[in-house]
N, C-alpha and C. Protein backbone atom coordinates (compact mmCIF):
# COMPACT_ATOMS: atom_id res chain seq x y z
N MET A 1 -157.87 -41.86 -74.30
CA MET A 1 -158.50 -40.55 -74.08
C MET A 1 -157.59 -39.80 -73.08
N ILE A 2 -157.26 -38.56 -73.41
CA ILE A 2 -156.43 -37.80 -72.51
C ILE A 2 -157.29 -37.22 -71.36
N GLU A 3 -156.66 -36.76 -70.31
CA GLU A 3 -157.34 -36.27 -69.11
C GLU A 3 -158.32 -35.13 -69.44
N THR A 4 -157.89 -34.21 -70.28
CA THR A 4 -158.74 -33.13 -70.67
C THR A 4 -160.03 -33.64 -71.37
N GLU A 5 -159.89 -34.62 -72.23
CA GLU A 5 -161.05 -35.21 -72.88
C GLU A 5 -161.95 -35.90 -71.83
N ASN A 6 -161.38 -36.52 -70.82
CA ASN A 6 -162.17 -37.09 -69.74
C ASN A 6 -162.97 -36.05 -69.01
N GLN A 7 -162.31 -34.93 -68.72
CA GLN A 7 -163.02 -33.79 -68.05
C GLN A 7 -164.13 -33.24 -68.92
N ILE A 8 -163.87 -33.15 -70.21
CA ILE A 8 -164.92 -32.67 -71.11
C ILE A 8 -166.10 -33.65 -71.10
N LEU A 9 -165.83 -34.94 -71.18
CA LEU A 9 -166.88 -35.95 -71.19
C LEU A 9 -167.67 -35.82 -69.89
N LYS A 10 -167.00 -35.72 -68.78
CA LYS A 10 -167.67 -35.59 -67.48
C LYS A 10 -168.60 -34.38 -67.48
N ALA A 11 -168.12 -33.27 -67.97
CA ALA A 11 -168.94 -32.05 -68.03
C ALA A 11 -170.12 -32.22 -69.01
N LEU A 12 -169.90 -32.89 -70.10
CA LEU A 12 -170.97 -33.11 -71.08
C LEU A 12 -172.05 -33.98 -70.45
N LEU A 13 -171.68 -35.00 -69.68
CA LEU A 13 -172.66 -35.85 -69.01
C LEU A 13 -173.39 -35.06 -67.93
N GLU A 14 -172.68 -34.19 -67.23
CA GLU A 14 -173.32 -33.31 -66.24
C GLU A 14 -174.33 -32.39 -66.93
N LEU A 15 -173.98 -31.83 -68.05
CA LEU A 15 -174.88 -30.97 -68.82
C LEU A 15 -176.09 -31.73 -69.28
N GLU A 16 -175.89 -32.96 -69.79
CA GLU A 16 -177.00 -33.75 -70.24
C GLU A 16 -177.98 -34.02 -69.10
N GLN A 17 -177.49 -34.34 -67.93
CA GLN A 17 -178.34 -34.62 -66.78
C GLN A 17 -179.05 -33.35 -66.34
N ALA A 18 -178.41 -32.23 -66.35
CA ALA A 18 -179.03 -30.96 -65.93
C ALA A 18 -180.17 -30.60 -66.89
N VAL A 19 -179.95 -30.78 -68.18
CA VAL A 19 -180.95 -30.50 -69.17
C VAL A 19 -182.19 -31.39 -69.01
N LYS A 20 -181.97 -32.67 -68.70
CA LYS A 20 -183.06 -33.56 -68.50
C LYS A 20 -183.90 -33.14 -67.29
N LEU A 21 -183.32 -32.58 -66.29
CA LEU A 21 -184.03 -32.12 -65.10
C LEU A 21 -184.67 -30.77 -65.22
N MET A 22 -184.32 -30.05 -66.30
CA MET A 22 -184.75 -28.65 -66.47
C MET A 22 -186.25 -28.49 -66.37
N ALA A 23 -187.03 -29.40 -66.99
CA ALA A 23 -188.47 -29.23 -67.01
C ALA A 23 -189.11 -29.25 -65.66
N THR A 24 -188.58 -30.01 -64.75
CA THR A 24 -189.22 -30.16 -63.43
C THR A 24 -188.43 -29.51 -62.28
N ALA A 25 -187.24 -29.08 -62.53
CA ALA A 25 -186.39 -28.50 -61.47
C ALA A 25 -186.89 -27.13 -61.03
N ASN A 26 -186.84 -26.92 -59.73
CA ASN A 26 -187.20 -25.65 -59.17
C ASN A 26 -186.32 -25.41 -57.94
N PRO A 27 -185.33 -24.55 -58.02
CA PRO A 27 -185.03 -23.65 -59.11
C PRO A 27 -184.33 -24.34 -60.27
N LYS A 28 -184.33 -23.69 -61.38
CA LYS A 28 -183.68 -24.26 -62.57
C LYS A 28 -182.16 -24.30 -62.36
N PRO A 29 -181.51 -25.33 -62.85
CA PRO A 29 -180.05 -25.39 -62.71
C PRO A 29 -179.37 -24.32 -63.55
N ASN A 30 -178.28 -23.79 -63.02
CA ASN A 30 -177.48 -22.82 -63.72
C ASN A 30 -176.48 -23.57 -64.61
N LEU A 31 -176.67 -23.49 -65.89
CA LEU A 31 -175.83 -24.20 -66.84
C LEU A 31 -174.57 -23.41 -67.22
N LEU A 32 -174.50 -22.14 -66.89
CA LEU A 32 -173.36 -21.29 -67.28
C LEU A 32 -172.01 -21.84 -66.74
N PRO A 33 -171.94 -22.33 -65.49
CA PRO A 33 -170.63 -22.86 -65.04
C PRO A 33 -170.20 -24.11 -65.89
N ILE A 34 -171.17 -24.89 -66.32
CA ILE A 34 -170.83 -26.08 -67.13
C ILE A 34 -170.27 -25.60 -68.50
N PHE A 35 -170.97 -24.66 -69.12
CA PHE A 35 -170.51 -24.09 -70.38
C PHE A 35 -169.09 -23.47 -70.25
N ALA A 36 -168.86 -22.79 -69.11
CA ALA A 36 -167.54 -22.18 -68.89
C ALA A 36 -166.46 -23.25 -68.79
N LYS A 37 -166.76 -24.34 -68.08
CA LYS A 37 -165.77 -25.41 -67.94
C LYS A 37 -165.49 -26.04 -69.32
N LEU A 38 -166.54 -26.22 -70.11
CA LEU A 38 -166.35 -26.80 -71.45
C LEU A 38 -165.53 -25.91 -72.30
N ASP A 39 -165.74 -24.62 -72.28
CA ASP A 39 -164.92 -23.66 -73.03
C ASP A 39 -163.45 -23.72 -72.55
N GLN A 40 -163.26 -23.75 -71.25
CA GLN A 40 -161.92 -23.80 -70.69
C GLN A 40 -161.15 -25.01 -71.13
N TRP A 41 -161.77 -26.19 -70.99
CA TRP A 41 -161.10 -27.43 -71.36
C TRP A 41 -160.91 -27.57 -72.85
N THR A 42 -161.83 -27.05 -73.63
CA THR A 42 -161.68 -27.08 -75.09
C THR A 42 -160.43 -26.28 -75.47
N ALA A 43 -160.22 -25.14 -74.84
CA ALA A 43 -159.06 -24.32 -75.11
C ALA A 43 -157.75 -25.02 -74.72
N GLN A 44 -157.83 -25.98 -73.79
CA GLN A 44 -156.61 -26.68 -73.32
C GLN A 44 -156.29 -27.92 -74.13
N LEU A 45 -157.15 -28.29 -75.09
CA LEU A 45 -156.85 -29.49 -75.86
C LEU A 45 -155.60 -29.28 -76.70
N PRO A 46 -154.78 -30.28 -76.84
CA PRO A 46 -153.56 -30.16 -77.61
C PRO A 46 -153.86 -30.08 -79.14
N PRO A 47 -152.87 -29.56 -79.84
CA PRO A 47 -153.07 -29.38 -81.32
C PRO A 47 -153.38 -30.73 -82.08
N GLU A 48 -152.94 -31.85 -81.55
CA GLU A 48 -153.14 -33.11 -82.23
C GLU A 48 -154.51 -33.73 -81.90
N THR A 49 -155.37 -33.00 -81.19
CA THR A 49 -156.73 -33.49 -80.92
C THR A 49 -157.47 -33.74 -82.23
N ASP A 50 -158.26 -34.80 -82.23
CA ASP A 50 -159.04 -35.16 -83.42
C ASP A 50 -159.84 -33.92 -83.90
N PRO A 51 -159.69 -33.56 -85.18
CA PRO A 51 -160.39 -32.35 -85.71
C PRO A 51 -161.91 -32.46 -85.61
N THR A 52 -162.44 -33.70 -85.65
CA THR A 52 -163.87 -33.84 -85.51
C THR A 52 -164.35 -33.44 -84.14
N LEU A 53 -163.65 -33.83 -83.10
CA LEU A 53 -164.02 -33.43 -81.74
C LEU A 53 -163.87 -31.92 -81.59
N LEU A 54 -162.80 -31.35 -82.09
CA LEU A 54 -162.63 -29.90 -82.01
C LEU A 54 -163.77 -29.19 -82.73
N HIS A 55 -164.22 -29.70 -83.85
CA HIS A 55 -165.32 -29.09 -84.62
C HIS A 55 -166.57 -29.07 -83.75
N TYR A 56 -166.88 -30.25 -83.21
CA TYR A 56 -168.10 -30.32 -82.37
C TYR A 56 -168.05 -29.38 -81.22
N LEU A 57 -166.93 -29.32 -80.49
CA LEU A 57 -166.87 -28.45 -79.35
C LEU A 57 -166.89 -26.97 -79.70
N ARG A 58 -166.21 -26.60 -80.75
CA ARG A 58 -166.18 -25.20 -81.16
C ARG A 58 -167.53 -24.74 -81.68
N LYS A 59 -168.31 -25.62 -82.24
CA LYS A 59 -169.64 -25.28 -82.77
C LYS A 59 -170.71 -25.49 -81.65
N LYS A 60 -170.26 -25.88 -80.46
CA LYS A 60 -171.14 -26.09 -79.31
C LYS A 60 -172.13 -27.21 -79.59
N SER A 61 -171.74 -28.19 -80.42
CA SER A 61 -172.50 -29.39 -80.69
C SER A 61 -172.18 -30.43 -79.58
N TYR A 62 -172.71 -30.16 -78.40
CA TYR A 62 -172.27 -30.90 -77.24
C TYR A 62 -172.77 -32.36 -77.26
N GLU A 63 -173.93 -32.60 -77.80
CA GLU A 63 -174.40 -34.00 -77.86
C GLU A 63 -173.49 -34.79 -78.81
N LYS A 64 -173.12 -34.18 -79.92
CA LYS A 64 -172.22 -34.82 -80.86
C LYS A 64 -170.85 -35.08 -80.25
N ALA A 65 -170.37 -34.10 -79.51
CA ALA A 65 -169.08 -34.28 -78.79
C ALA A 65 -169.17 -35.41 -77.82
N ARG A 66 -170.24 -35.51 -77.07
CA ARG A 66 -170.43 -36.57 -76.07
C ARG A 66 -170.43 -37.92 -76.75
N LEU A 67 -171.19 -38.05 -77.82
CA LEU A 67 -171.21 -39.33 -78.56
C LEU A 67 -169.84 -39.66 -79.09
N PHE A 68 -169.14 -38.69 -79.61
CA PHE A 68 -167.76 -38.93 -80.15
C PHE A 68 -166.87 -39.47 -79.06
N LEU A 69 -166.90 -38.84 -77.89
CA LEU A 69 -166.02 -39.22 -76.81
C LEU A 69 -166.40 -40.57 -76.21
N GLN A 70 -167.67 -40.96 -76.42
CA GLN A 70 -168.13 -42.27 -75.93
C GLN A 70 -167.90 -43.38 -76.98
N GLY A 71 -167.26 -43.02 -78.11
CA GLY A 71 -167.03 -43.96 -79.15
C GLY A 71 -168.24 -44.31 -79.96
N ARG A 72 -169.21 -43.34 -79.99
CA ARG A 72 -170.49 -43.54 -80.67
C ARG A 72 -170.71 -42.52 -81.78
N ASP A 73 -169.63 -42.07 -82.41
CA ASP A 73 -169.73 -41.03 -83.42
C ASP A 73 -170.62 -41.46 -84.60
N SER A 74 -170.71 -42.74 -84.85
CA SER A 74 -171.53 -43.18 -85.97
C SER A 74 -173.00 -42.85 -85.77
N GLU A 75 -173.39 -42.57 -84.53
CA GLU A 75 -174.79 -42.21 -84.27
C GLU A 75 -175.14 -40.73 -84.55
N ASN A 76 -174.06 -39.95 -84.83
CA ASN A 76 -174.31 -38.53 -85.10
C ASN A 76 -174.87 -38.32 -86.48
N LYS A 77 -175.78 -37.38 -86.54
CA LYS A 77 -176.44 -37.00 -87.80
C LYS A 77 -175.70 -35.82 -88.40
N MET A 78 -175.78 -35.65 -89.72
CA MET A 78 -175.19 -34.55 -90.42
C MET A 78 -175.80 -33.22 -89.97
N GLY A 79 -174.97 -32.26 -89.66
CA GLY A 79 -175.47 -30.95 -89.24
C GLY A 79 -175.70 -29.99 -90.39
N SER A 80 -176.18 -28.83 -90.09
CA SER A 80 -176.44 -27.81 -91.09
C SER A 80 -175.17 -27.29 -91.75
N CYS A 81 -174.04 -27.52 -91.09
CA CYS A 81 -172.75 -27.09 -91.65
C CYS A 81 -172.22 -28.08 -92.65
N GLY A 82 -172.95 -29.22 -92.85
CA GLY A 82 -172.49 -30.24 -93.78
C GLY A 82 -171.55 -31.23 -93.18
N HIS A 83 -171.24 -31.04 -91.91
CA HIS A 83 -170.37 -31.98 -91.19
C HIS A 83 -171.23 -32.89 -90.32
N VAL A 84 -170.80 -34.12 -90.19
CA VAL A 84 -171.55 -35.06 -89.37
C VAL A 84 -171.55 -34.53 -87.96
């Protein structure tokens, strides 16, 4: 995994944790900086990046991207776009 993918995974885990705390957090966490980081790092991925990962990130399928980066892509369900 390249460094950019590591940074994306770290941000995805941060996002997952923030979302879990959303119901009880006061004040609510600001997710916009996490989304901005994800967009920035997605744009920095090299052209040879796995097309599946690029698809997940461009479609904002962040849970699928996280599972992919964790080597758990087989757990992903087919989306409305017809792609796993």
